[in-house]
């Protein structure tokens, strides 16, 4: 596998973990993974983007939307930094939805 495939698979592992409570246990990891995937694969003209397409990561990211939303719900806003993290979670969720729509419209 290429380094892009390894990195992508690692980031997606936080979004697709079979552990039932992983999103609740590690909400920050879930959110940062989703955000990083969008940052890395935002430019479909990059040579490594072929991995995103061939490995059907648009569908995987679409399937992870609920997990990203659950990660946001798992954040305790009363804890220090919780309000900012909750705002970040809302932003990441909106970005995931928008990015999936964008990638699907590309039809590449």
C-alpha atoms as a PDB file:
ATOM      1  CA  UNK A   1       0.000   0.000   0.000  1.00  0.00           C
ATOM      2  CA  UNK A   2       1.039   3.586  -0.598  1.00  0.00           C
ATOM      3  CA  UNK A   3       1.642   6.011   2.259  1.00  0.00           C
ATOM      4  CA  UNK A   4      -1.600   7.786   1.318  1.00  0.00           C
ATOM      5  CA  UNK A   5      -3.505   4.515   1.647  1.00  0.00           C
ATOM      6  CA  UNK A   6      -1.917   3.781   5.026  1.00  0.00           C
ATOM      7  CA  UNK A   7      -2.665   7.264   6.367  1.00  0.00           C
ATOM      8  CA  UNK A   8      -6.206   7.226   5.016  1.00  0.00           C
ATOM      9  CA  UNK A   9      -6.892   3.767   6.427  1.00  0.00           C
ATOM     10  CA  UNK A  10      -5.565   4.851   9.826  1.00  0.00           C
ATOM     11  CA  UNK A  11      -7.790   7.937   9.891  1.00  0.00           C
ATOM     12  CA  UNK A  12     -10.812   5.970   8.700  1.00  0.00           C
ATOM     13  CA  UNK A  13     -10.220   3.401  11.449  1.00  0.00           C
ATOM     14  CA  UNK A  14     -11.438   6.002  13.946  1.00  0.00           C
ATOM     15  CA  UNK A  15     -14.611   6.454  11.924  1.00  0.00           C
ATOM     16  CA  UNK A  16     -15.331   2.782  11.341  1.00  0.00           C
ATOM     17  CA  UNK A  17     -14.109   1.095  14.526  1.00  0.00           C
ATOM     18  CA  UNK A  18     -16.182  -1.979  15.403  1.00  0.00           C
ATOM     19  CA  UNK A  19     -15.862  -1.131  19.108  1.00  0.00           C
ATOM     20  CA  UNK A  20     -19.392  -0.203  20.153  1.00  0.00           C
ATOM     21  CA  UNK A  21     -18.469   2.763  22.363  1.00  0.00           C
ATOM     22  CA  UNK A  22     -15.357   4.022  20.572  1.00  0.00           C
ATOM     23  CA  UNK A  23     -17.010   7.261  19.457  1.00  0.00           C
ATOM     24  CA  UNK A  24     -18.100   8.034  22.994  1.00  0.00           C
ATOM     25  CA  UNK A  25     -14.737   7.053  24.476  1.00  0.00           C
ATOM     26  CA  UNK A  26     -12.668   9.018  21.956  1.00  0.00           C
ATOM     27  CA  UNK A  27     -14.838  11.769  20.492  1.00  0.00           C
ATOM     28  CA  UNK A  28     -11.887  14.068  19.818  1.00  0.00           C
ATOM     29  CA  UNK A  29     -10.066  11.381  17.836  1.00  0.00           C
ATOM     30  CA  UNK A  30     -13.187  10.752  15.780  1.00  0.00           C
ATOM     31  CA  UNK A  31     -13.649  14.442  15.036  1.00  0.00           C
ATOM     32  CA  UNK A  32     -10.019  15.137  14.213  1.00  0.00           C
ATOM     33  CA  UNK A  33      -9.860  12.088  11.953  1.00  0.00           C
ATOM     34  CA  UNK A  34     -12.871  13.230   9.946  1.00  0.00           C
ATOM     35  CA  UNK A  35     -11.494  16.755   9.722  1.00  0.00           C
ATOM     36  CA  UNK A  36      -8.074  15.487   8.619  1.00  0.00           C
ATOM     37  CA  UNK A  37      -9.577  13.301   5.901  1.00  0.00           C
ATOM     38  CA  UNK A  38     -11.325  16.330   4.456  1.00  0.00           C
ATOM     39  CA  UNK A  39      -8.147  18.417   4.646  1.00  0.00           C
ATOM     40  CA  UNK A  40      -6.012  15.756   2.976  1.00  0.00           C
ATOM     41  CA  UNK A  41      -8.409  14.831   0.199  1.00  0.00           C
ATOM     42  CA  UNK A  42      -9.892  18.273  -0.497  1.00  0.00           C
ATOM     43  CA  UNK A  43      -8.004  18.614  -3.796  1.00  0.00           C
ATOM     44  CA  UNK A  44      -9.189  15.973  -6.225  1.00  0.00           C
ATOM     45  CA  UNK A  45      -6.432  16.961  -8.661  1.00  0.00           C
ATOM     46  CA  UNK A  46      -3.656  15.623  -6.429  1.00  0.00           C
ATOM     47  CA  UNK A  47      -2.116  12.324  -7.559  1.00  0.00           C
ATOM     48  CA  UNK A  48      -2.886  10.597  -4.255  1.00  0.00           C
ATOM     49  CA  UNK A  49      -6.595  11.342  -4.658  1.00  0.00           C
ATOM     50  CA  UNK A  50      -6.865   8.192  -6.743  1.00  0.00           C
ATOM     51  CA  UNK A  51      -6.805   6.279  -3.441  1.00  0.00           C
ATOM     52  CA  UNK A  52      -9.841   8.195  -2.208  1.00  0.00           C
ATOM     53  CA  UNK A  53     -11.759   7.240  -5.325  1.00  0.00           C
ATOM     54  CA  UNK A  54     -10.562   3.642  -5.734  1.00  0.00           C
ATOM     55  CA  UNK A  55     -11.136   2.774  -2.089  1.00  0.00           C
ATOM     56  CA  UNK A  56     -14.644   4.310  -2.137  1.00  0.00           C
ATOM     57  CA  UNK A  57     -13.858   6.607   0.739  1.00  0.00           C
ATOM     58  CA  UNK A  58     -16.672   8.992  -0.219  1.00  0.00           C
ATOM     59  CA  UNK A  59     -19.108   6.221   0.692  1.00  0.00           C
ATOM     60  CA  UNK A  60     -17.138   5.391   3.830  1.00  0.00           C
ATOM     61  CA  UNK A  61     -17.213   9.018   4.927  1.00  0.00           C
ATOM     62  CA  UNK A  62     -20.938   9.228   4.166  1.00  0.00           C
ATOM     63  CA  UNK A  63     -21.442   6.143   6.311  1.00  0.00           C
ATOM     64  CA  UNK A  64     -19.529   7.781   9.155  1.00  0.00           C
ATOM     65  CA  UNK A  65     -21.729  10.901   9.369  1.00  0.00           C
ATOM     66  CA  UNK A  66     -23.770   9.470  12.224  1.00  0.00           C
ATOM     67  CA  UNK A  67     -20.624   8.516  14.101  1.00  0.00           C
ATOM     68  CA  UNK A  68     -19.321  12.070  13.766  1.00  0.00           C
ATOM     69  CA  UNK A  69     -22.650  13.373  15.039  1.00  0.00           C
ATOM     70  CA  UNK A  70     -22.529  10.943  18.002  1.00  0.00           C
ATOM     71  CA  UNK A  71     -19.017  12.133  18.806  1.00  0.00           C
ATOM     72  CA  UNK A  72     -20.371  15.654  19.097  1.00  0.00           C
ATOM     73  CA  UNK A  73     -23.149  14.501  21.381  1.00  0.00           C
ATOM     74  CA  UNK A  74     -20.631  12.711  23.620  1.00  0.00           C
ATOM     75  CA  UNK A  75     -18.879  15.966  24.496  1.00  0.00           C
ATOM     76  CA  UNK A  76     -19.545  17.377  27.936  1.00  0.00           C
ATOM     77  CA  UNK A  77     -20.011  21.103  27.355  1.00  0.00           C
ATOM     78  CA  UNK A  78     -19.662  21.753  31.100  1.00  0.00           C
ATOM     79  CA  UNK A  79     -16.058  20.559  31.193  1.00  0.00           C
ATOM     80  CA  UNK A  80     -13.209  22.930  30.483  1.00  0.00           C
ATOM     81  CA  UNK A  81     -12.967  23.452  26.727  1.00  0.00           C
ATOM     82  CA  UNK A  82     -16.183  21.542  26.172  1.00  0.00           C
ATOM     83  CA  UNK A  83     -18.065  24.397  24.534  1.00  0.00           C
ATOM     84  CA  UNK A  84     -15.261  24.977  22.021  1.00  0.00           C
ATOM     85  CA  UNK A  85     -15.006  21.255  21.300  1.00  0.00           C
ATOM     86  CA  UNK A  86     -18.771  21.051  20.798  1.00  0.00           C
ATOM     87  CA  UNK A  87     -18.554  23.948  18.323  1.00  0.00           C
ATOM     88  CA  UNK A  88     -15.736  22.110  16.532  1.00  0.00           C
ATOM     89  CA  UNK A  89     -17.894  18.962  16.434  1.00  0.00           C
ATOM     90  CA  UNK A  90     -20.752  20.875  14.836  1.00  0.00           C
ATOM     91  CA  UNK A  91     -18.345  22.330  12.266  1.00  0.00           C
ATOM     92  CA  UNK A  92     -16.841  18.932  11.443  1.00  0.00           C
ATOM     93  CA  UNK A  93     -20.284  17.367  11.025  1.00  0.00           C
ATOM     94  CA  UNK A  94     -21.345  20.130   8.633  1.00  0.00           C
ATOM     95  CA  UNK A  95     -18.053  19.765   6.746  1.00  0.00           C
ATOM     96  CA  UNK A  96     -18.461  15.999   6.414  1.00  0.00           C
ATOM     97  CA  UNK A  97     -21.957  16.421   4.983  1.00  0.00           C
ATOM     98  CA  UNK A  98     -20.798  19.110   2.581  1.00  0.00           C
ATOM     99  CA  UNK A  99     -17.671  17.235   1.532  1.00  0.00           C
ATOM    100  CA  UNK A 100     -19.620  14.063   0.746  1.00  0.00           C
ATOM    101  CA  UNK A 101     -22.041  16.071  -1.400  1.00  0.00           C
ATOM    102  CA  UNK A 102     -19.144  17.811  -3.135  1.00  0.00           C
ATOM    103  CA  UNK A 103     -17.315  14.552  -3.898  1.00  0.00           C
ATOM    104  CA  UNK A 104     -20.478  12.918  -5.219  1.00  0.00           C
ATOM    105  CA  UNK A 105     -21.125  15.854  -7.549  1.00  0.00           C
ATOM    106  CA  UNK A 106     -17.629  15.447  -9.033  1.00  0.00           C
ATOM    107  CA  UNK A 107     -18.610  12.031 -10.449  1.00  0.00           C
ATOM    108  CA  UNK A 108     -14.997  10.976 -10.833  1.00  0.00           C
END
